[in-house]
Amino acid sequence: MEILSEEQYGEYEAFVANHPQGGFTQSADWRKVKNNWGWEAVVSRDASGKIVGACGVLVQQIPLIGISFLYAPRGPVCDLHDRAVLADLKAGVDALAKKHRAHTFKMDPDVLMSDSEFISIAKGLGFRQFAGPEGFETIQARFNYRLYLGGRSEEELFANLTQTTRRKVRIAMRNGVEVRPVGQEYLDEFVRIMRVTGERDGFNVRPRSYFVRMLDALGEHVRLYMGFYQGTPVCGAISTNYAGKVCYVYGASDNVHRDVMPNYLMQWEMIRWAVETGCTVYDFQGVSGILEEGHHMYGLYRFKKGFNGQLDELAGEFDYVYRPLACRMTDAAIAAKEKLDAIKRRGKGNR
């Protein structure tokens, strides 16, 4: 086990970017996006000194009380069935917990709920598992809709779309909708459309500065896409291309010109990027785990399902608690803040 210095982050990055378990939130560059957190890199090496496991850990300092919270988003990156490597990485996190006076370490690896072997190893190392029924109770969405590309061509993937989705992509094409990757000169338009989407669908939108950091930090691994109708931006998306996976991270659509189906063409263009770069999967990211037609998020699932992928249920979060009392106090403070924020939002809605 080794906790790396910044001079060694290039070696870490080379491992994570080329590992099947790798993901953009485990990239060393993700620390530049989450610039209000600290960041540490733990690795496990084999007898020859080669990295065989890695874990990027965000460090959130909790003001006034001198403790912290450790989080490995979609980590660790290793063979998740290799108990020795997982134990080695855990030992590194233990050292970080002592250094930063952490009350809890949380990880949420990209592993299926059906993977009983990993779950058993994690629990054997002292982790407790949490998985909510809807899938948005955790920090990362627990139900992801994914299109596994399987080496298929664009033509084969297009033919594989459902008839309705294929028709809607063609409607966008016939109406002259243009979707292309753009530079940050379109970021103001993207943020505007994100706010429209947030108001329509009831979610908070990150500030412009966050998207600037993401585009700057991830460089060639991220794209801002915009969809145009008659020269006017009508939809946008930020997607990442990292470790063989394209992930649709943020998406937005205006309230006008939805009848020309720009969002369908935008998804198709991002799938094409995955094919062009030899990726194995296009990840539409989160949907609800409640698949009833009357559910308020069913429309999102129906939209993504039209691209004929599959729904993956992930195992959720795994917590290792170092300081139980501090953990309970922190959880209570967070719950109280969320309740207060909800009251404030209701109050604004009544004005």
Protein backbone atom coordinates (compact mmCIF):
# COMPACT_ATOMS: atom_id res chain seq x y z
CA MET A 1 0.00 0.00 0.00
CA GLU A 2 1.15 3.51 -0.76
CA ILE A 3 -0.32 6.98 -0.41
CA LEU A 4 0.95 8.89 -3.42
CA SER A 5 2.51 12.31 -3.61
CA GLU A 6 1.38 14.74 -6.30
CA GLU A 7 4.48 13.93 -8.38
CA GLN A 8 3.15 10.36 -8.72
CA TYR A 9 -0.35 11.28 -9.92
CA GLY A 10 0.63 10.63 -13.55
CA GLU A 11 1.25 6.96 -12.74
CA TYR A 12 -2.06 6.79 -10.90
CA GLU A 13 -3.90 8.39 -13.82
CA ALA A 14 -2.40 5.99 -16.36
CA PHE A 15 -3.69 3.05 -14.30
CA VAL A 16 -7.21 4.38 -13.70
CA ALA A 17 -7.75 5.61 -17.27
CA ASN A 18 -6.96 2.18 -18.67
CA HIS A 19 -8.68 -0.08 -16.13
CA PRO A 20 -12.13 -1.60 -16.83
CA GLN A 21 -13.32 -0.28 -13.44
CA GLY A 22 -11.96 3.18 -14.15
CA GLY A 23 -14.29 6.17 -14.24
CA PHE A 24 -13.94 9.93 -14.60
CA THR A 25 -14.73 10.60 -10.92
CA GLN A 26 -11.73 8.47 -10.00
CA SER A 27 -9.44 10.46 -12.29
CA ALA A 28 -6.75 12.53 -10.59
CA ASP A 29 -8.14 15.48 -12.54
CA TRP A 30 -11.47 15.19 -10.70
CA ARG A 31 -9.83 16.91 -7.73
CA LYS A 32 -9.69 20.09 -9.83
CA VAL A 33 -13.47 19.96 -10.30
CA LYS A 34 -14.17 19.32 -6.61
CA ASN A 35 -11.87 22.13 -5.58
CA ASN A 36 -13.67 22.71 -2.27
CA TRP A 37 -12.59 19.22 -1.15
CA GLY A 38 -9.15 17.82 -0.48
CA TRP A 39 -7.97 14.78 -2.46
CA GLU A 40 -5.66 11.84 -1.82
CA ALA A 41 -4.62 8.85 -3.92
CA VAL A 42 -4.09 5.39 -2.44
CA VAL A 43 -2.61 2.53 -4.48
CA SER A 44 -1.81 -1.12 -3.97
CA ARG A 45 1.26 -2.54 -5.74
CA ASP A 46 2.26 -6.09 -6.61
CA ALA A 47 5.65 -7.61 -5.83
CA SER A 48 7.21 -5.94 -8.88
CA GLY A 49 5.95 -2.50 -7.86
CA LYS A 50 3.21 -2.34 -10.49
CA ILE A 51 -0.06 -0.71 -9.45
CA VAL A 52 -2.86 -3.28 -9.19
CA GLY A 53 -5.43 -1.20 -7.33
CA ALA A 54 -6.16 2.48 -6.87
CA CYS A 55 -8.57 4.66 -4.94
CA GLY A 56 -9.02 8.40 -5.32
CA VAL A 57 -10.40 9.80 -2.06
CA LEU A 58 -12.12 13.16 -1.65
CA VAL A 59 -11.64 14.75 1.77
CA GLN A 60 -14.38 17.04 3.10
CA GLN A 61 -13.34 19.03 6.14
CA ILE A 62 -16.24 19.67 8.52
CA PRO A 63 -15.97 23.20 9.92
CA LEU A 64 -15.61 23.99 13.63
CA ILE A 65 -15.39 20.42 14.92
CA GLY A 66 -12.06 19.42 13.32
CA ILE A 67 -13.12 16.16 11.68
CA SER A 68 -13.62 15.11 8.08
CA PHE A 69 -15.56 12.83 5.74
CA LEU A 70 -13.80 10.63 3.15
CA TYR A 71 -15.48 9.65 -0.11
CA ALA A 72 -14.30 7.59 -3.09
CA PRO A 73 -16.81 8.29 -5.90
CA ARG A 74 -17.16 5.12 -7.99
CA GLY A 75 -14.04 3.76 -6.31
CA PRO A 76 -12.00 1.76 -5.81
CA VAL A 77 -10.47 0.81 -9.17
CA CYS A 78 -9.22 -2.77 -9.08
CA ASP A 79 -10.35 -6.36 -9.41
CA LEU A 80 -13.25 -6.07 -6.99
CA HIS A 81 -13.02 -9.78 -6.19
CA ASP A 82 -9.38 -9.59 -5.04
CA ARG A 83 -9.74 -9.42 -1.28
CA ALA A 84 -6.02 -8.85 -0.70
CA VAL A 85 -5.95 -5.75 -2.92
CA LEU A 86 -9.17 -4.41 -1.41
CA ALA A 87 -7.76 -4.93 2.09
CA ASP A 88 -4.55 -3.16 1.06
CA LEU A 89 -6.49 -0.16 -0.24
CA LYS A 90 -8.60 -0.16 2.91
CA ALA A 91 -5.40 0.01 4.97
CA GLY A 92 -4.44 3.10 2.98
CA VAL A 93 -7.82 4.69 3.68
CA ASP A 94 -7.38 3.85 7.37
CA ALA A 95 -4.15 5.86 7.31
CA LEU A 96 -5.96 8.76 5.63
CA ALA A 97 -8.74 8.57 8.22
CA LYS A 98 -6.15 8.93 10.99
CA LYS A 99 -4.39 11.79 9.18
CA HIS A 100 -7.61 13.74 8.52
CA ARG A 101 -9.54 12.66 11.64
CA ALA A 102 -12.33 11.19 9.50
CA HIS A 103 -15.58 10.00 11.01
CA THR A 104 -16.57 7.87 7.95
CA PHE A 105 -15.22 6.59 4.65
CA LYS A 106 -17.80 6.03 1.91
CA MET A 107 -17.29 4.22 -1.41
CA ASP A 108 -19.78 3.37 -4.14
CA PRO A 109 -18.00 1.21 -6.73
CA ASP A 110 -19.52 0.43 -10.10
CA VAL A 111 -20.61 -3.05 -9.08
CA LEU A 112 -23.95 -4.78 -9.56
CA MET A 113 -26.30 -5.63 -6.71
CA SER A 114 -26.12 -9.22 -7.92
CA ASP A 115 -22.36 -9.38 -7.19
CA SER A 116 -22.64 -11.25 -3.91
CA GLU A 117 -18.90 -12.03 -3.88
CA PHE A 118 -17.88 -8.36 -3.70
CA ILE A 119 -20.61 -7.52 -1.20
CA SER A 120 -19.43 -10.36 1.03
CA ILE A 121 -15.80 -9.17 0.85
CA ALA A 122 -16.79 -5.58 1.64
CA LYS A 123 -18.88 -6.60 4.64
CA GLY A 124 -16.06 -8.86 5.79
CA LEU A 125 -13.76 -5.83 5.80
CA GLY A 126 -16.21 -4.03 8.09
CA PHE A 127 -18.26 -1.99 5.62
CA ARG A 128 -21.99 -1.55 5.95
CA GLN A 129 -24.10 -1.42 2.80
CA PHE A 130 -26.83 1.10 2.04
CA ALA A 131 -29.17 0.99 -0.97
CA GLY A 132 -32.44 2.91 -1.20
CA PRO A 133 -35.42 1.63 -3.22
CA GLU A 134 -35.72 4.55 -5.65
CA GLY A 135 -32.01 4.83 -6.33
CA PHE A 136 -31.52 8.53 -5.66
CA GLU A 137 -31.15 8.16 -1.89
CA THR A 138 -27.41 7.66 -2.45
CA ILE A 139 -24.87 10.23 -3.64
CA GLN A 140 -24.53 8.54 -7.03
CA ALA A 141 -27.58 7.20 -8.82
CA ARG A 142 -27.97 3.49 -8.05
CA PHE A 143 -29.95 2.50 -11.15
CA ASN A 144 -28.12 3.32 -14.39
CA TYR A 145 -29.44 2.79 -17.89
CA ARG A 146 -26.64 1.63 -20.19
CA LEU A 147 -26.15 0.74 -23.81
CA TYR A 148 -23.45 -1.91 -24.16
CA LEU A 149 -21.95 -1.34 -27.59
CA GLY A 150 -20.45 -4.80 -28.11
CA GLY A 151 -18.32 -3.70 -31.05
CA ARG A 152 -21.40 -2.92 -33.14
CA SER A 153 -21.31 -0.36 -35.94
CA GLU A 154 -23.35 2.84 -36.01
CA GLU A 155 -25.67 1.22 -38.53
CA GLU A 156 -26.25 -1.79 -36.29
CA LEU A 157 -26.85 0.38 -33.23
CA PHE A 158 -29.27 2.65 -35.10
CA ALA A 159 -31.22 -0.38 -36.32
CA ASN A 160 -31.30 -1.60 -32.70
CA LEU A 161 -33.14 1.50 -31.45
CA THR A 162 -36.82 1.06 -30.79
CA GLN A 163 -39.01 2.03 -33.73
CA THR A 164 -40.33 5.10 -31.89
CA THR A 165 -36.88 6.39 -30.95
CA ARG A 166 -35.51 5.76 -34.44
CA ARG A 167 -38.42 7.76 -35.85
CA LYS A 168 -37.80 10.66 -33.46
CA VAL A 169 -34.10 10.82 -34.32
CA ARG A 170 -35.10 11.01 -37.98
CA ILE A 171 -37.64 13.77 -37.23
CA ALA A 172 -34.81 15.86 -35.79
CA MET A 173 -32.65 15.17 -38.83
CA ARG A 174 -35.43 16.03 -41.30
CA ASN A 175 -36.16 19.28 -39.47
CA GLY A 176 -32.55 20.38 -39.78
CA VAL A 177 -31.62 20.05 -36.11
CA GLU A 178 -27.84 20.24 -35.77
CA VAL A 179 -26.02 18.73 -32.80
CA ARG A 180 -22.29 19.28 -32.38
CA PRO A 181 -19.59 19.62 -29.70
CA VAL A 182 -18.91 23.28 -28.94
CA GLY A 183 -16.55 25.41 -26.90
CA GLN A 184 -17.12 27.34 -23.70
CA GLU A 185 -18.43 30.29 -25.67
CA TYR A 186 -21.79 28.44 -25.52
CA LEU A 187 -21.64 27.82 -21.78
CA ASP A 188 -23.94 30.71 -20.93
CA GLU A 189 -26.60 29.26 -23.25
CA PHE A 190 -26.12 25.82 -21.73
CA VAL A 191 -26.53 27.16 -18.19
CA ARG A 192 -29.61 29.10 -19.25
CA ILE A 193 -31.22 25.96 -20.68
CA MET A 194 -30.15 23.97 -17.60
CA ARG A 195 -32.02 26.47 -15.41
CA VAL A 196 -35.10 26.16 -17.62
CA THR A 197 -34.89 22.37 -17.24
CA GLY A 198 -34.34 22.61 -13.48
CA GLU A 199 -37.41 24.80 -13.03
CA ARG A 200 -39.49 22.47 -15.20
CA ASP A 201 -38.35 19.22 -13.58
CA GLY A 202 -37.75 20.42 -10.03
CA PHE A 203 -34.00 20.09 -9.44
CA ASN A 204 -31.24 22.49 -8.45
CA VAL A 205 -28.70 23.52 -11.08
CA ARG A 206 -24.97 23.77 -10.45
CA PRO A 207 -23.36 27.18 -10.96
CA ARG A 208 -21.61 28.09 -14.19
CA SER A 209 -18.23 27.98 -12.42
CA TYR A 210 -18.67 24.25 -11.76
CA PHE A 211 -19.16 23.49 -15.46
CA VAL A 212 -16.13 25.66 -16.31
CA ARG A 213 -13.98 23.65 -13.91
CA MET A 214 -15.28 20.36 -15.31
CA LEU A 215 -14.57 21.32 -18.91
CA ASP A 216 -11.14 22.73 -18.04
CA ALA A 217 -10.08 19.85 -15.78
CA LEU A 218 -11.15 16.89 -17.92
CA GLY A 219 -9.93 18.36 -21.21
CA GLU A 220 -10.16 15.89 -24.09
CA HIS A 221 -12.17 13.52 -21.88
CA VAL A 222 -15.23 15.78 -21.80
CA ARG A 223 -17.43 17.53 -24.34
CA LEU A 224 -20.11 20.19 -24.24
CA TYR A 225 -22.72 19.35 -26.88
CA MET A 226 -25.34 21.80 -28.08
CA GLY A 227 -28.35 21.19 -30.28
CA PHE A 228 -29.46 23.97 -32.65
CA TYR A 229 -32.75 24.52 -34.45
CA GLN A 230 -32.81 27.27 -37.05
CA GLY A 231 -29.53 28.49 -35.56
CA THR A 232 -30.89 28.79 -32.01
CA PRO A 233 -29.58 26.60 -29.14
CA VAL A 234 -32.44 24.40 -27.89
CA CYS A 235 -30.68 21.64 -25.92
CA GLY A 236 -27.32 20.79 -24.48
CA ALA A 237 -25.35 18.09 -22.69
CA ILE A 238 -22.03 17.51 -20.98
CA SER A 239 -20.65 14.01 -21.49
CA THR A 240 -17.37 12.36 -20.54
CA ASN A 241 -15.28 9.83 -22.43
CA TYR A 242 -12.98 8.02 -20.02
CA ALA A 243 -11.72 4.47 -19.47
CA GLY A 244 -13.74 3.07 -22.37
CA LYS A 245 -17.05 4.61 -21.31
CA VAL A 246 -19.02 7.64 -22.48
CA CYS A 247 -21.22 9.00 -19.69
CA TYR A 248 -24.11 11.41 -20.21
CA VAL A 249 -23.55 13.50 -17.09
CA TYR A 250 -25.68 16.64 -17.52
CA GLY A 251 -28.48 17.34 -19.98
CA ALA A 252 -30.84 20.22 -20.64
CA SER A 253 -33.64 21.09 -23.04
CA ASP A 254 -35.49 24.33 -23.65
CA ASN A 255 -39.26 24.61 -23.44
CA VAL A 256 -39.50 25.61 -27.10
CA HIS A 257 -39.14 23.49 -30.27
CA ARG A 258 -39.43 20.23 -28.39
CA ASP A 259 -41.59 18.97 -31.26
CA VAL A 260 -38.53 18.67 -33.52
CA MET A 261 -37.04 16.11 -31.08
CA PRO A 262 -33.56 17.63 -30.58
CA ASN A 263 -32.82 15.55 -27.46
CA TYR A 264 -33.07 12.30 -29.40
CA LEU A 265 -30.53 13.43 -31.97
CA MET A 266 -28.26 14.73 -29.21
CA GLN A 267 -28.18 11.30 -27.55
CA TRP A 268 -27.49 9.65 -30.88
CA GLU A 269 -24.54 11.99 -31.57
CA MET A 270 -23.02 11.19 -28.18
CA ILE A 271 -23.46 7.47 -28.85
CA ARG A 272 -21.61 8.02 -32.13
CA TRP A 273 -18.74 9.57 -30.15
CA ALA A 274 -18.56 6.41 -28.03
CA VAL A 275 -18.45 4.24 -31.17
CA GLU A 276 -15.82 6.42 -32.89
CA THR A 277 -13.50 6.22 -29.88
CA GLY A 278 -13.83 2.45 -29.38
CA CYS A 279 -15.76 2.59 -26.12
CA THR A 280 -17.52 -0.47 -24.74
CA VAL A 281 -20.51 1.28 -23.17
CA TYR A 282 -22.64 4.42 -23.42
CA ASP A 283 -23.97 5.23 -19.96
CA PHE A 284 -27.19 7.25 -19.85
CA GLN A 285 -26.65 7.46 -16.07
CA GLY A 286 -29.39 7.54 -13.47
CA VAL A 287 -33.03 6.55 -13.60
CA SER A 288 -35.45 5.68 -10.83
CA GLY A 289 -35.65 2.09 -9.66
CA ILE A 290 -39.45 2.44 -9.47
CA LEU A 291 -40.64 1.58 -12.97
CA GLU A 292 -44.34 2.27 -12.59
CA GLU A 293 -45.87 4.41 -15.34
CA GLY A 294 -47.50 6.75 -12.84
CA HIS A 295 -44.20 7.50 -11.08
CA HIS A 296 -42.97 11.07 -11.54
CA MET A 297 -39.64 9.91 -13.04
CA TYR A 298 -41.02 7.25 -15.36
CA GLY A 299 -40.74 9.59 -18.37
CA LEU A 300 -36.95 9.77 -17.97
CA TYR A 301 -36.71 5.97 -17.94
CA ARG A 302 -39.00 5.69 -20.98
CA PHE A 303 -36.84 8.16 -22.92
CA LYS A 304 -33.61 6.30 -22.17
CA LYS A 305 -35.20 2.87 -22.68
CA GLY A 306 -35.94 3.84 -26.29
CA PHE A 307 -32.25 3.42 -27.08
CA ASN A 308 -32.61 -0.28 -26.25
CA GLY A 309 -29.93 -0.75 -23.63
CA GLN A 310 -30.33 -2.35 -20.21
CA LEU A 311 -31.08 -1.26 -16.67
CA ASP A 312 -28.24 -1.97 -14.22
CA GLU A 313 -28.99 -2.07 -10.51
CA LEU A 314 -25.82 -1.16 -8.62
CA ALA A 315 -24.99 -2.28 -5.12
CA GLY A 316 -25.13 1.19 -3.57
CA GLU A 317 -22.89 2.70 -0.92
CA PHE A 318 -20.47 1.03 1.48
CA ASP A 319 -19.55 2.93 4.65
CA TYR A 320 -16.79 2.29 7.12
CA VAL A 321 -17.41 4.27 10.31
CA TYR A 322 -14.36 5.30 12.36
CA ARG A 323 -16.05 7.64 14.86
CA PRO A 324 -19.68 6.55 15.43
CA LEU A 325 -20.68 9.50 17.64
CA ALA A 326 -19.25 12.08 15.24
CA CYS A 327 -20.94 10.25 12.38
CA ARG A 328 -24.35 10.40 14.08
CA MET A 329 -23.90 14.08 14.93
CA THR A 330 -22.93 14.91 11.35
CA ASP A 331 -25.84 12.92 9.88
CA ALA A 332 -28.25 14.72 12.23
CA ALA A 333 -26.86 18.12 11.23
CA ILE A 334 -27.20 17.27 7.52
CA ALA A 335 -30.78 16.05 8.00
CA ALA A 336 -31.68 19.25 9.88
CA LYS A 337 -30.18 21.41 7.13
CA GLU A 338 -32.07 19.48 4.42
CA LYS A 339 -35.32 19.93 6.35
CA LEU A 340 -34.68 23.65 6.72
CA ASP A 341 -33.84 23.99 3.00
CA ALA A 342 -37.08 22.18 2.11
CA ILE A 343 -39.08 24.59 4.31
CA LYS A 344 -37.39 27.56 2.64
CA ARG A 345 -38.17 26.17 -0.85
CA ARG A 346 -41.84 25.71 0.11
CA GLY A 347 -41.93 29.24 1.49
CA LYS A 348 -40.60 30.67 -1.77
CA GLY A 349 -43.17 28.67 -3.70
CA ASN A 350 -46.02 30.25 -1.69
CA ARG A 351 -45.02 33.82 -2.48
